[in-house]
Amino acid sequence: MSSTLERAEALEREQIVTLENKVVTRSILYTSGDYDPREPPPWRKAYMANPELRQMQFLAGDDPRLPKMPAKPTLLDFFTYRFGPSQHLLQSARLAKLNGCSEKVILGCLLHDISVVGFLLPDHGYWGAQMVAPYVDEEVAWAIKYHQALRFYPDESVGYDYPDQYRRWFGDDYVPDPYIERDYRYARNHRWYMSARQITINDLYAFDPDVTVSLDDFVDIIGRHFRQPPEGLGHDDSPAAHMWRTIIRPTKFL
């Protein structure tokens, strides 16, 4: 019982952080599950209980714990300064290139899990597609979105089986959510089906611990197929700009 209480108290302390005399906050989504999202967030309770903290300002700019982003950040800058380990994405793109896929499919493989490495895990295909939609061909964004559904369904005609890895991750009796089933059936009959399917084909088979791929290998493809806004990702007025700004400043208050 005491260890549970100690853990709870330790988590409580972690929720209030000050940097350079600024109070750092966390979005509800970051702590939901560890704490009941219907309750006031722990950092707020700690803040309200401490008069000294209430005299401080909130962090409303760059988080000094994170690498400084360039003034006009590019996609390559996000890979360098914000995205987590990306060898899976790079190996997926490399495999697609070796398999003779089109450059649009190669780019889709390179970007298909950017939400996983830089934003959110749940519904990563949907979030990732929204992130890149203003900057890539519509087919690329479509393929990124629907690879999430297609990966759960085999296609013998192209040699794609249900992954053994998924049996380990989700269990033998796992059934995808109804919206995944719906989107699979929609995608299966779409003219771009094979583009999304190629992402799944070059996805799960791309893990090779003995191979290291450099992002430099795809600079030319990015240059030809990713429309970099001159203001920098996050500073343009696209429908996805706010998502890139959130990645730049994930602890910004409001």
C-alpha atoms as a PDB file:
ATOM      1  CA  MET A   1       0.000   0.000   0.000  1.00  0.00           C
ATOM      2  CA  SER A   2       2.811   2.370   0.911  1.00  0.00           C
ATOM      3  CA  SER A   3       4.592   1.753  -2.407  1.00  0.00           C
ATOM      4  CA  THR A   4       1.401   2.631  -4.277  1.00  0.00           C
ATOM      5  CA  LEU A   5       1.053   5.830  -2.279  1.00  0.00           C
ATOM      6  CA  GLU A   6       4.706   6.702  -2.809  1.00  0.00           C
ATOM      7  CA  ARG A   7       4.317   6.200  -6.556  1.00  0.00           C
ATOM      8  CA  ALA A   8       1.231   8.406  -6.601  1.00  0.00           C
ATOM      9  CA  GLU A   9       3.073  11.120  -4.647  1.00  0.00           C
ATOM     10  CA  ALA A  10       6.063  10.865  -6.984  1.00  0.00           C
ATOM     11  CA  LEU A  11       3.816  11.226 -10.015  1.00  0.00           C
ATOM     12  CA  GLU A  12       2.154  14.196  -8.346  1.00  0.00           C
ATOM     13  CA  ARG A  13       5.510  15.918  -7.893  1.00  0.00           C
ATOM     14  CA  GLU A  14       6.413  15.265 -11.521  1.00  0.00           C
ATOM     15  CA  GLN A  15       3.386  17.188 -12.726  1.00  0.00           C
ATOM     16  CA  ILE A  16       4.707  20.575 -11.685  1.00  0.00           C
ATOM     17  CA  VAL A  17       7.974  21.647 -13.287  1.00  0.00           C
ATOM     18  CA  THR A  18       9.553  25.078 -13.333  1.00  0.00           C
ATOM     19  CA  LEU A  19      12.121  26.187 -15.883  1.00  0.00           C
ATOM     20  CA  GLU A  20      13.819  29.574 -15.891  1.00  0.00           C
ATOM     21  CA  ASN A  21      11.226  30.800 -13.388  1.00  0.00           C
ATOM     22  CA  LYS A  22       8.358  29.660 -15.606  1.00  0.00           C
ATOM     23  CA  VAL A  23       5.731  27.054 -14.766  1.00  0.00           C
ATOM     24  CA  VAL A  24       5.620  24.204 -17.296  1.00  0.00           C
ATOM     25  CA  THR A  25       2.231  22.618 -17.909  1.00  0.00           C
ATOM     26  CA  ARG A  26       1.117  19.337 -19.473  1.00  0.00           C
ATOM     27  CA  SER A  27      -1.918  18.790 -21.625  1.00  0.00           C
ATOM     28  CA  ILE A  28      -4.643  16.509 -20.259  1.00  0.00           C
ATOM     29  CA  LEU A  29      -3.897  13.979 -22.999  1.00  0.00           C
ATOM     30  CA  TYR A  30      -0.349  13.502 -21.690  1.00  0.00           C
ATOM     31  CA  THR A  31      -1.530  12.292 -18.281  1.00  0.00           C
ATOM     32  CA  SER A  32      -4.903  10.720 -19.082  1.00  0.00           C
ATOM     33  CA  GLY A  33      -4.840   7.157 -17.794  1.00  0.00           C
ATOM     34  CA  ASP A  34      -2.292   7.900 -15.086  1.00  0.00           C
ATOM     35  CA  TYR A  35      -4.936  10.312 -13.787  1.00  0.00           C
ATOM     36  CA  ASP A  36      -8.664  10.663 -14.258  1.00  0.00           C
ATOM     37  CA  PRO A  37      -9.052  13.300 -17.019  1.00  0.00           C
ATOM     38  CA  ARG A  38     -12.327  14.430 -15.444  1.00  0.00           C
ATOM     39  CA  GLU A  39     -10.437  15.717 -12.422  1.00  0.00           C
ATOM     40  CA  PRO A  40      -8.278  18.862 -12.307  1.00  0.00           C
ATOM     41  CA  PRO A  41      -4.830  18.004 -13.641  1.00  0.00           C
ATOM     42  CA  PRO A  42      -2.254  17.307 -10.928  1.00  0.00           C
ATOM     43  CA  TRP A  43      -0.022  20.180 -12.006  1.00  0.00           C
ATOM     44  CA  ARG A  44      -2.925  22.589 -11.465  1.00  0.00           C
ATOM     45  CA  LYS A  45      -3.577  21.257  -7.965  1.00  0.00           C
ATOM     46  CA  ALA A  46       0.106  21.634  -7.096  1.00  0.00           C
ATOM     47  CA  TYR A  47       0.134  25.113  -8.613  1.00  0.00           C
ATOM     48  CA  MET A  48      -2.922  26.279  -6.674  1.00  0.00           C
ATOM     49  CA  ALA A  49      -1.506  24.912  -3.432  1.00  0.00           C
ATOM     50  CA  ASN A  50       1.807  26.756  -3.731  1.00  0.00           C
ATOM     51  CA  PRO A  51       1.726  30.578  -3.369  1.00  0.00           C
ATOM     52  CA  GLU A  52       5.278  30.836  -4.707  1.00  0.00           C
ATOM     53  CA  LEU A  53       4.323  29.085  -7.911  1.00  0.00           C
ATOM     54  CA  ARG A  54       1.314  31.320  -8.372  1.00  0.00           C
ATOM     55  CA  GLN A  55       3.670  34.291  -8.581  1.00  0.00           C
ATOM     56  CA  MET A  56       5.381  32.780 -11.615  1.00  0.00           C
ATOM     57  CA  GLN A  57       4.426  33.067 -15.261  1.00  0.00           C
ATOM     58  CA  PHE A  58       3.548  30.080 -17.414  1.00  0.00           C
ATOM     59  CA  LEU A  59       5.882  28.833 -20.134  1.00  0.00           C
ATOM     60  CA  ALA A  60       4.443  30.278 -23.342  1.00  0.00           C
ATOM     61  CA  GLY A  61       7.389  29.812 -25.671  1.00  0.00           C
ATOM     62  CA  ASP A  62      10.191  27.372 -26.360  1.00  0.00           C
ATOM     63  CA  ASP A  63      10.870  24.634 -23.834  1.00  0.00           C
ATOM     64  CA  PRO A  64      14.567  25.055 -22.910  1.00  0.00           C
ATOM     65  CA  ARG A  65      14.860  21.293 -22.356  1.00  0.00           C
ATOM     66  CA  LEU A  66      14.335  20.697 -26.083  1.00  0.00           C
ATOM     67  CA  PRO A  67      16.726  21.469 -28.950  1.00  0.00           C
ATOM     68  CA  LYS A  68      16.128  24.869 -30.495  1.00  0.00           C
ATOM     69  CA  MET A  69      14.248  24.647 -33.786  1.00  0.00           C
ATOM     70  CA  PRO A  70      15.318  26.763 -36.778  1.00  0.00           C
ATOM     71  CA  ALA A  71      13.239  29.859 -37.458  1.00  0.00           C
ATOM     72  CA  LYS A  72      11.789  28.281 -40.613  1.00  0.00           C
ATOM     73  CA  PRO A  73      11.840  24.557 -39.864  1.00  0.00           C
ATOM     74  CA  THR A  74      11.797  22.015 -42.662  1.00  0.00           C
ATOM     75  CA  LEU A  75      10.691  18.400 -42.613  1.00  0.00           C
ATOM     76  CA  LEU A  76      14.357  17.421 -42.240  1.00  0.00           C
ATOM     77  CA  ASP A  77      14.603  19.678 -39.176  1.00  0.00           C
ATOM     78  CA  PHE A  78      11.713  17.837 -37.527  1.00  0.00           C
ATOM     79  CA  PHE A  79      13.460  14.526 -38.131  1.00  0.00           C
ATOM     80  CA  THR A  80      16.600  16.023 -36.585  1.00  0.00           C
ATOM     81  CA  TYR A  81      15.219  17.966 -33.612  1.00  0.00           C
ATOM     82  CA  ARG A  82      11.816  16.547 -32.704  1.00  0.00           C
ATOM     83  CA  PHE A  83      11.091  13.075 -34.047  1.00  0.00           C
ATOM     84  CA  GLY A  84      12.048  10.023 -32.052  1.00  0.00           C
ATOM     85  CA  PRO A  85      14.141   7.152 -33.457  1.00  0.00           C
ATOM     86  CA  SER A  86      13.179   6.895 -37.120  1.00  0.00           C
ATOM     87  CA  GLN A  87      15.128   3.911 -38.452  1.00  0.00           C
ATOM     88  CA  HIS A  88      11.891   2.030 -39.045  1.00  0.00           C
ATOM     89  CA  LEU A  89      10.638   4.800 -41.339  1.00  0.00           C
ATOM     90  CA  LEU A  90      13.965   5.050 -43.121  1.00  0.00           C
ATOM     91  CA  GLN A  91      14.221   1.285 -43.567  1.00  0.00           C
ATOM     92  CA  SER A  92      10.647   1.146 -44.840  1.00  0.00           C
ATOM     93  CA  ALA A  93      11.421   3.804 -47.446  1.00  0.00           C
ATOM     94  CA  ARG A  94      14.653   2.007 -48.373  1.00  0.00           C
ATOM     95  CA  LEU A  95      12.806  -1.274 -48.833  1.00  0.00           C
ATOM     96  CA  ALA A  96      10.180   0.397 -51.009  1.00  0.00           C
ATOM     97  CA  LYS A  97      12.961   1.857 -53.135  1.00  0.00           C
ATOM     98  CA  LEU A  98      14.665  -1.525 -53.480  1.00  0.00           C
ATOM     99  CA  ASN A  99      11.325  -3.057 -54.449  1.00  0.00           C
ATOM    100  CA  GLY A 100      10.943  -0.578 -57.296  1.00  0.00           C
ATOM    101  CA  CYS A 101       8.050   1.403 -55.861  1.00  0.00           C
ATOM    102  CA  SER A 102       7.200   4.845 -57.168  1.00  0.00           C
ATOM    103  CA  GLU A 103       8.664   7.893 -55.468  1.00  0.00           C
ATOM    104  CA  LYS A 104       5.231   8.748 -54.074  1.00  0.00           C
ATOM    105  CA  VAL A 105       5.044   5.357 -52.370  1.00  0.00           C
ATOM    106  CA  ILE A 106       8.620   5.732 -51.115  1.00  0.00           C
ATOM    107  CA  LEU A 107       7.693   9.085 -49.587  1.00  0.00           C
ATOM    108  CA  GLY A 108       4.563   7.521 -48.078  1.00  0.00           C
ATOM    109  CA  CYS A 109       6.718   4.827 -46.475  1.00  0.00           C
ATOM    110  CA  LEU A 110       9.093   7.469 -45.139  1.00  0.00           C
ATOM    111  CA  LEU A 111       6.217   9.399 -43.548  1.00  0.00           C
ATOM    112  CA  HIS A 112       3.690   6.690 -42.695  1.00  0.00           C
ATOM    113  CA  ASP A 113       4.510   6.598 -38.970  1.00  0.00           C
ATOM    114  CA  ILE A 114       5.569  10.191 -38.310  1.00  0.00           C
ATOM    115  CA  SER A 115       2.712  10.552 -35.850  1.00  0.00           C
ATOM    116  CA  VAL A 116       4.180   7.613 -33.919  1.00  0.00           C
ATOM    117  CA  VAL A 117       7.651   9.148 -33.730  1.00  0.00           C
ATOM    118  CA  GLY A 118       6.584  12.756 -33.275  1.00  0.00           C
ATOM    119  CA  PHE A 119       2.983  13.252 -32.200  1.00  0.00           C
ATOM    120  CA  LEU A 120       0.462  10.595 -31.123  1.00  0.00           C
ATOM    121  CA  LEU A 121       0.265   6.797 -31.131  1.00  0.00           C
ATOM    122  CA  PRO A 122      -3.536   6.293 -31.311  1.00  0.00           C
ATOM    123  CA  ASP A 123      -4.905   6.491 -34.856  1.00  0.00           C
ATOM    124  CA  HIS A 124      -1.414   7.317 -36.079  1.00  0.00           C
ATOM    125  CA  GLY A 125      -2.289   6.834 -39.750  1.00  0.00           C
ATOM    126  CA  TYR A 126      -5.113   9.355 -39.554  1.00  0.00           C
ATOM    127  CA  TRP A 127      -3.061  11.927 -37.645  1.00  0.00           C
ATOM    128  CA  GLY A 128      -0.038  11.424 -39.882  1.00  0.00           C
ATOM    129  CA  ALA A 129      -2.118  11.907 -43.021  1.00  0.00           C
ATOM    130  CA  GLN A 130      -3.545  15.159 -41.674  1.00  0.00           C
ATOM    131  CA  MET A 131      -0.088  16.399 -40.763  1.00  0.00           C
ATOM    132  CA  VAL A 132       1.285  16.016 -44.285  1.00  0.00           C
ATOM    133  CA  ALA A 133      -1.835  16.491 -46.441  1.00  0.00           C
ATOM    134  CA  PRO A 134      -1.177  20.160 -47.280  1.00  0.00           C
ATOM    135  CA  TYR A 135       2.356  19.392 -48.434  1.00  0.00           C
ATOM    136  CA  VAL A 136       2.171  16.161 -50.443  1.00  0.00           C
ATOM    137  CA  ASP A 137       0.228  14.696 -53.330  1.00  0.00           C
ATOM    138  CA  GLU A 138      -3.286  13.667 -52.291  1.00  0.00           C
ATOM    139  CA  GLU A 139      -2.470  10.050 -53.058  1.00  0.00           C
ATOM    140  CA  VAL A 140       0.416  10.056 -50.564  1.00  0.00           C
ATOM    141  CA  ALA A 141      -1.731  11.391 -47.722  1.00  0.00           C
ATOM    142  CA  TRP A 142      -4.494   8.929 -48.637  1.00  0.00           C
ATOM    143  CA  ALA A 143      -2.092   5.997 -48.543  1.00  0.00           C
ATOM    144  CA  ILE A 144      -0.718   7.050 -45.146  1.00  0.00           C
ATOM    145  CA  LYS A 145      -4.228   7.301 -43.730  1.00  0.00           C
ATOM    146  CA  TYR A 146      -5.494   3.971 -44.983  1.00  0.00           C
ATOM    147  CA  HIS A 147      -2.389   1.907 -44.323  1.00  0.00           C
ATOM    148  CA  GLN A 148      -3.592   1.891 -40.714  1.00  0.00           C
ATOM    149  CA  ALA A 149      -6.666  -0.149 -41.634  1.00  0.00           C
ATOM    150  CA  LEU A 150      -5.114  -2.286 -44.371  1.00  0.00           C
ATOM    151  CA  ARG A 151      -2.350  -3.651 -42.150  1.00  0.00           C
ATOM    152  CA  PHE A 152      -4.898  -5.776 -40.253  1.00  0.00           C
ATOM    153  CA  TYR A 153      -6.179  -7.517 -43.386  1.00  0.00           C
ATOM    154  CA  PRO A 154      -4.194  -9.951 -45.557  1.00  0.00           C
ATOM    155  CA  ASP A 155      -4.038  -9.783 -49.326  1.00  0.00           C
ATOM    156  CA  GLU A 156      -2.754 -13.035 -50.796  1.00  0.00           C
ATOM    157  CA  SER A 157      -2.551 -11.527 -54.291  1.00  0.00           C
ATOM    158  CA  VAL A 158       0.442  -9.428 -53.210  1.00  0.00           C
ATOM    159  CA  GLY A 159       1.820 -11.797 -50.593  1.00  0.00           C
ATOM    160  CA  TYR A 160       0.681  -9.833 -47.545  1.00  0.00           C
ATOM    161  CA  ASP A 161      -0.242 -12.048 -44.580  1.00  0.00           C
ATOM    162  CA  TYR A 162      -1.643 -11.041 -41.226  1.00  0.00           C
ATOM    163  CA  PRO A 163       1.512 -10.262 -39.233  1.00  0.00           C
ATOM    164  CA  ASP A 164       2.607 -12.708 -36.535  1.00  0.00           C
ATOM    165  CA  GLN A 165       3.829  -9.636 -34.719  1.00  0.00           C
ATOM    166  CA  TYR A 166       0.240  -8.465 -34.339  1.00  0.00           C
ATOM    167  CA  ARG A 167      -0.708 -11.752 -32.710  1.00  0.00           C
ATOM    168  CA  ARG A 168       1.981 -11.087 -30.119  1.00  0.00           C
ATOM    169  CA  TRP A 169       0.963  -7.463 -29.659  1.00  0.00           C
ATOM    170  CA  PHE A 170      -2.827  -7.788 -29.670  1.00  0.00           C
ATOM    171  CA  GLY A 171      -3.574 -11.469 -29.069  1.00  0.00           C
ATOM    172  CA  ASP A 172      -5.035 -14.198 -31.256  1.00  0.00           C
ATOM    173  CA  ASP A 173      -8.618 -13.101 -30.636  1.00  0.00           C
ATOM    174  CA  TYR A 174      -8.116  -9.416 -31.455  1.00  0.00           C
ATOM    175  CA  VAL A 175     -10.777  -7.868 -33.686  1.00  0.00           C
ATOM    176  CA  PRO A 176     -10.126  -4.378 -35.162  1.00  0.00           C
ATOM    177  CA  ASP A 177     -12.558  -1.619 -34.265  1.00  0.00           C
ATOM    178  CA  PRO A 178     -15.595  -1.157 -36.529  1.00  0.00           C
ATOM    179  CA  TYR A 179     -14.198   2.020 -38.077  1.00  0.00           C
ATOM    180  CA  ILE A 180     -11.060   0.117 -39.095  1.00  0.00           C
ATOM    181  CA  GLU A 181     -13.207  -2.543 -40.776  1.00  0.00           C
ATOM    182  CA  ARG A 182     -15.233   0.168 -42.499  1.00  0.00           C
ATOM    183  CA  ASP A 183     -12.170   1.991 -43.779  1.00  0.00           C
ATOM    184  CA  TYR A 184     -10.572  -1.247 -44.945  1.00  0.00           C
ATOM    185  CA  ARG A 185     -13.613  -2.056 -47.085  1.00  0.00           C
ATOM    186  CA  TYR A 186     -13.646   1.461 -48.487  1.00  0.00           C
ATOM    187  CA  ALA A 187      -9.929   1.417 -49.279  1.00  0.00           C
ATOM    188  CA  ARG A 188     -10.070  -2.077 -50.782  1.00  0.00           C
ATOM    189  CA  ASN A 189     -12.147  -0.769 -53.667  1.00  0.00           C
ATOM    190  CA  HIS A 190     -10.380   2.559 -54.125  1.00  0.00           C
ATOM    191  CA  ARG A 191      -8.171   3.410 -57.098  1.00  0.00           C
ATOM    192  CA  TRP A 192      -5.269   4.122 -54.723  1.00  0.00           C
ATOM    193  CA  TYR A 193      -5.632   0.873 -52.810  1.00  0.00           C
ATOM    194  CA  MET A 194      -2.287  -0.470 -53.984  1.00  0.00           C
ATOM    195  CA  SER A 195      -0.437   2.651 -52.845  1.00  0.00           C
ATOM    196  CA  ALA A 196      -1.630   2.133 -49.274  1.00  0.00           C
ATOM    197  CA  ARG A 197      -1.098  -1.615 -49.567  1.00  0.00           C
ATOM    198  CA  GLN A 198       2.500  -1.022 -50.672  1.00  0.00           C
ATOM    199  CA  ILE A 199       3.081   0.851 -47.411  1.00  0.00           C
ATOM    200  CA  THR A 200       1.961  -2.203 -45.435  1.00  0.00           C
ATOM    201  CA  ILE A 201       4.095  -4.495 -47.578  1.00  0.00           C
ATOM    202  CA  ASN A 202       7.193  -2.369 -47.015  1.00  0.00           C
ATOM    203  CA  ASP A 203       6.312  -1.654 -43.396  1.00  0.00           C
ATOM    204  CA  LEU A 204       6.428  -4.763 -41.223  1.00  0.00           C
ATOM    205  CA  TYR A 205       9.213  -6.371 -43.196  1.00  0.00           C
ATOM    206  CA  ALA A 206      11.460  -3.342 -42.852  1.00  0.00           C
ATOM    207  CA  PHE A 207      12.896  -4.086 -39.407  1.00  0.00           C
ATOM    208  CA  ASP A 208      16.549  -5.069 -39.808  1.00  0.00           C
ATOM    209  CA  PRO A 209      18.856  -4.409 -36.845  1.00  0.00           C
ATOM    210  CA  ASP A 210      21.886  -4.866 -39.074  1.00  0.00           C
ATOM    211  CA  VAL A 211      20.946  -2.026 -41.444  1.00  0.00           C
ATOM    212  CA  THR A 212      21.323   1.685 -40.743  1.00  0.00           C
ATOM    213  CA  VAL A 213      19.749   4.075 -43.231  1.00  0.00           C
ATOM    214  CA  SER A 214      20.474   7.792 -43.512  1.00  0.00           C
ATOM    215  CA  LEU A 215      17.816  10.430 -44.105  1.00  0.00           C
ATOM    216  CA  ASP A 216      20.247  11.901 -46.643  1.00  0.00           C
ATOM    217  CA  ASP A 217      19.294   9.040 -48.975  1.00  0.00           C
ATOM    218  CA  PHE A 218      15.827  10.583 -49.396  1.00  0.00           C
ATOM    219  CA  VAL A 219      16.587  14.301 -49.556  1.00  0.00           C
ATOM    220  CA  ASP A 220      16.030  14.388 -53.308  1.00  0.00           C
ATOM    221  CA  ILE A 221      12.682  12.580 -53.100  1.00  0.00           C
ATOM    222  CA  ILE A 222      11.562  14.895 -50.302  1.00  0.00           C
ATOM    223  CA  GLY A 223      12.612  17.866 -52.401  1.00  0.00           C
ATOM    224  CA  ARG A 224      10.586  16.669 -55.387  1.00  0.00           C
ATOM    225  CA  HIS A 225       7.443  15.590 -53.560  1.00  0.00           C
ATOM    226  CA  PHE A 226       7.161  17.502 -50.259  1.00  0.00           C
ATOM    227  CA  ARG A 227       6.034  21.120 -50.642  1.00  0.00           C
ATOM    228  CA  GLN A 228       8.049  22.853 -47.970  1.00  0.00           C
ATOM    229  CA  PRO A 229       6.307  26.139 -46.982  1.00  0.00           C
ATOM    230  CA  PRO A 230       8.712  29.084 -47.226  1.00  0.00           C
ATOM    231  CA  GLU A 231       7.623  30.308 -43.774  1.00  0.00           C
ATOM    232  CA  GLY A 232       8.565  26.963 -42.244  1.00  0.00           C
ATOM    233  CA  LEU A 233       6.388  24.068 -41.111  1.00  0.00           C
ATOM    234  CA  GLY A 234       4.152  25.336 -38.340  1.00  0.00           C
ATOM    235  CA  HIS A 235       4.447  28.963 -39.387  1.00  0.00           C
ATOM    236  CA  ASP A 236       2.385  28.767 -42.560  1.00  0.00           C
ATOM    237  CA  ASP A 237      -1.402  29.051 -42.672  1.00  0.00           C
ATOM    238  CA  SER A 238      -2.170  25.473 -43.743  1.00  0.00           C
ATOM    239  CA  PRO A 239      -4.905  23.432 -42.003  1.00  0.00           C
ATOM    240  CA  ALA A 240      -2.141  21.341 -40.382  1.00  0.00           C
ATOM    241  CA  ALA A 241       0.198  24.120 -39.261  1.00  0.00           C
ATOM    242  CA  HIS A 242      -1.037  23.983 -35.664  1.00  0.00           C
ATOM    243  CA  MET A 243      -0.030  20.320 -35.429  1.00  0.00           C
ATOM    244  CA  TRP A 244       3.557  21.129 -36.376  1.00  0.00           C
ATOM    245  CA  ARG A 245       3.557  24.074 -33.937  1.00  0.00           C
ATOM    246  CA  THR A 246       2.455  21.711 -31.180  1.00  0.00           C
ATOM    247  CA  ILE A 247       5.416  19.455 -31.939  1.00  0.00           C
ATOM    248  CA  ILE A 248       7.737  22.471 -31.850  1.00  0.00           C
ATOM    249  CA  ARG A 249       6.363  23.646 -28.480  1.00  0.00           C
ATOM    250  CA  PRO A 250       4.634  20.666 -26.818  1.00  0.00           C
ATOM    251  CA  THR A 251       4.579  22.275 -23.356  1.00  0.00           C
ATOM    252  CA  LYS A 252       3.365  25.702 -24.382  1.00  0.00           C
ATOM    253  CA  PHE A 253       0.602  27.068 -22.136  1.00  0.00           C
ATOM    254  CA  LEU A 254      -2.553  27.717 -24.177  1.00  0.00           C
END
